[in-house]
């Protein structure tokens, strides 16, 4: 069963493009870009996720990242 999102692909793709443009404008290496994106994820979890759910959300995020880079 496919996962559906309440966000449109267009909205998601536009935000990705905007963030990528900022990283490019700063000539961020892959290492720096990943560090920045990781820090953003951490800040969002710490600011917007209830303490009781932080670990579960971080684990789901990490698993989603691993699943997205798996080779078939």
C-alpha atoms as a PDB file:
ATOM      1  CA  UNK A   1       0.000   0.000   0.000  1.00  0.00           C
ATOM      2  CA  UNK A   2       1.565   3.328  -1.033  1.00  0.00           C
ATOM      3  CA  UNK A   3       2.097   5.999   1.587  1.00  0.00           C
ATOM      4  CA  UNK A   4       0.065   9.118   0.946  1.00  0.00           C
ATOM      5  CA  UNK A   5       1.014  12.564   2.169  1.00  0.00           C
ATOM      6  CA  UNK A   6      -1.105  15.528   3.106  1.00  0.00           C
ATOM      7  CA  UNK A   7       1.478  17.665   1.301  1.00  0.00           C
ATOM      8  CA  UNK A   8       1.536  18.038  -2.459  1.00  0.00           C
ATOM      9  CA  UNK A   9       4.545  16.827  -4.403  1.00  0.00           C
ATOM     10  CA  UNK A  10       4.828  20.331  -5.830  1.00  0.00           C
ATOM     11  CA  UNK A  11       5.084  21.874  -2.346  1.00  0.00           C
ATOM     12  CA  UNK A  12       7.675  19.342  -1.206  1.00  0.00           C
ATOM     13  CA  UNK A  13       9.736  19.666  -4.395  1.00  0.00           C
ATOM     14  CA  UNK A  14       9.696  23.483  -4.179  1.00  0.00           C
ATOM     15  CA  UNK A  15      10.997  23.467  -0.606  1.00  0.00           C
ATOM     16  CA  UNK A  16      13.696  20.937  -1.515  1.00  0.00           C
ATOM     17  CA  UNK A  17      14.715  23.112  -4.444  1.00  0.00           C
ATOM     18  CA  UNK A  18      14.844  26.242  -2.275  1.00  0.00           C
ATOM     19  CA  UNK A  19      16.975  24.559   0.399  1.00  0.00           C
ATOM     20  CA  UNK A  20      19.264  23.058  -2.243  1.00  0.00           C
ATOM     21  CA  UNK A  21      19.693  26.505  -3.819  1.00  0.00           C
ATOM     22  CA  UNK A  22      20.785  27.954  -0.465  1.00  0.00           C
ATOM     23  CA  UNK A  23      23.340  25.176  -0.016  1.00  0.00           C
ATOM     24  CA  UNK A  24      24.624  25.720  -3.553  1.00  0.00           C
ATOM     25  CA  UNK A  25      24.861  29.498  -3.002  1.00  0.00           C
ATOM     26  CA  UNK A  26      27.105  28.780  -0.024  1.00  0.00           C
ATOM     27  CA  UNK A  27      29.181  26.281  -2.021  1.00  0.00           C
ATOM     28  CA  UNK A  28      28.452  23.710   0.675  1.00  0.00           C
ATOM     29  CA  UNK A  29      30.254  20.408   0.277  1.00  0.00           C
ATOM     30  CA  UNK A  30      28.269  17.204   0.704  1.00  0.00           C
ATOM     31  CA  UNK A  31      29.671  16.882   4.227  1.00  0.00           C
ATOM     32  CA  UNK A  32      28.638  20.419   5.207  1.00  0.00           C
ATOM     33  CA  UNK A  33      25.213  20.090   3.559  1.00  0.00           C
ATOM     34  CA  UNK A  34      24.505  16.855   5.440  1.00  0.00           C
ATOM     35  CA  UNK A  35      25.663  18.429   8.698  1.00  0.00           C
ATOM     36  CA  UNK A  36      23.327  21.395   8.141  1.00  0.00           C
ATOM     37  CA  UNK A  37      20.368  19.206   7.179  1.00  0.00           C
ATOM     38  CA  UNK A  38      21.018  16.959  10.190  1.00  0.00           C
ATOM     39  CA  UNK A  39      21.132  19.959  12.507  1.00  0.00           C
ATOM     40  CA  UNK A  40      17.886  21.262  11.043  1.00  0.00           C
ATOM     41  CA  UNK A  41      16.226  17.872  11.645  1.00  0.00           C
ATOM     42  CA  UNK A  42      17.517  17.867  15.234  1.00  0.00           C
ATOM     43  CA  UNK A  43      16.289  21.419  15.840  1.00  0.00           C
ATOM     44  CA  UNK A  44      12.829  20.606  14.458  1.00  0.00           C
ATOM     45  CA  UNK A  45      12.528  17.472  16.592  1.00  0.00           C
ATOM     46  CA  UNK A  46      13.697  19.313  19.712  1.00  0.00           C
ATOM     47  CA  UNK A  47      11.422  22.318  19.115  1.00  0.00           C
ATOM     48  CA  UNK A  48       8.265  20.739  17.728  1.00  0.00           C
ATOM     49  CA  UNK A  49       8.004  17.125  18.901  1.00  0.00           C
ATOM     50  CA  UNK A  50       6.774  16.199  22.390  1.00  0.00           C
ATOM     51  CA  UNK A  51       9.515  14.728  24.581  1.00  0.00           C
ATOM     52  CA  UNK A  52       7.677  11.417  24.787  1.00  0.00           C
ATOM     53  CA  UNK A  53       7.856  11.020  20.988  1.00  0.00           C
ATOM     54  CA  UNK A  54      11.315  12.390  20.156  1.00  0.00           C
ATOM     55  CA  UNK A  55      13.141   9.055  20.174  1.00  0.00           C
ATOM     56  CA  UNK A  56      10.486   7.310  18.063  1.00  0.00           C
ATOM     57  CA  UNK A  57      10.388  10.155  15.527  1.00  0.00           C
ATOM     58  CA  UNK A  58      14.198  10.230  15.274  1.00  0.00           C
ATOM     59  CA  UNK A  59      14.271   6.463  14.747  1.00  0.00           C
ATOM     60  CA  UNK A  60      11.570   6.657  12.046  1.00  0.00           C
ATOM     61  CA  UNK A  61      13.454   9.506  10.362  1.00  0.00           C
ATOM     62  CA  UNK A  62      16.701   7.525  10.412  1.00  0.00           C
ATOM     63  CA  UNK A  63      14.969   4.416   9.051  1.00  0.00           C
ATOM     64  CA  UNK A  64      13.298   6.431   6.280  1.00  0.00           C
ATOM     65  CA  UNK A  65      16.701   7.835   5.312  1.00  0.00           C
ATOM     66  CA  UNK A  66      18.228   4.357   5.218  1.00  0.00           C
ATOM     67  CA  UNK A  67      15.304   3.030   3.180  1.00  0.00           C
ATOM     68  CA  UNK A  68      15.644   5.887   0.691  1.00  0.00           C
ATOM     69  CA  UNK A  69      19.257   4.990  -0.147  1.00  0.00           C
ATOM     70  CA  UNK A  70      18.903   1.218  -0.351  1.00  0.00           C
ATOM     71  CA  UNK A  71      19.876  -0.344  -3.643  1.00  0.00           C
ATOM     72  CA  UNK A  72      17.587  -2.964  -5.128  1.00  0.00           C
END
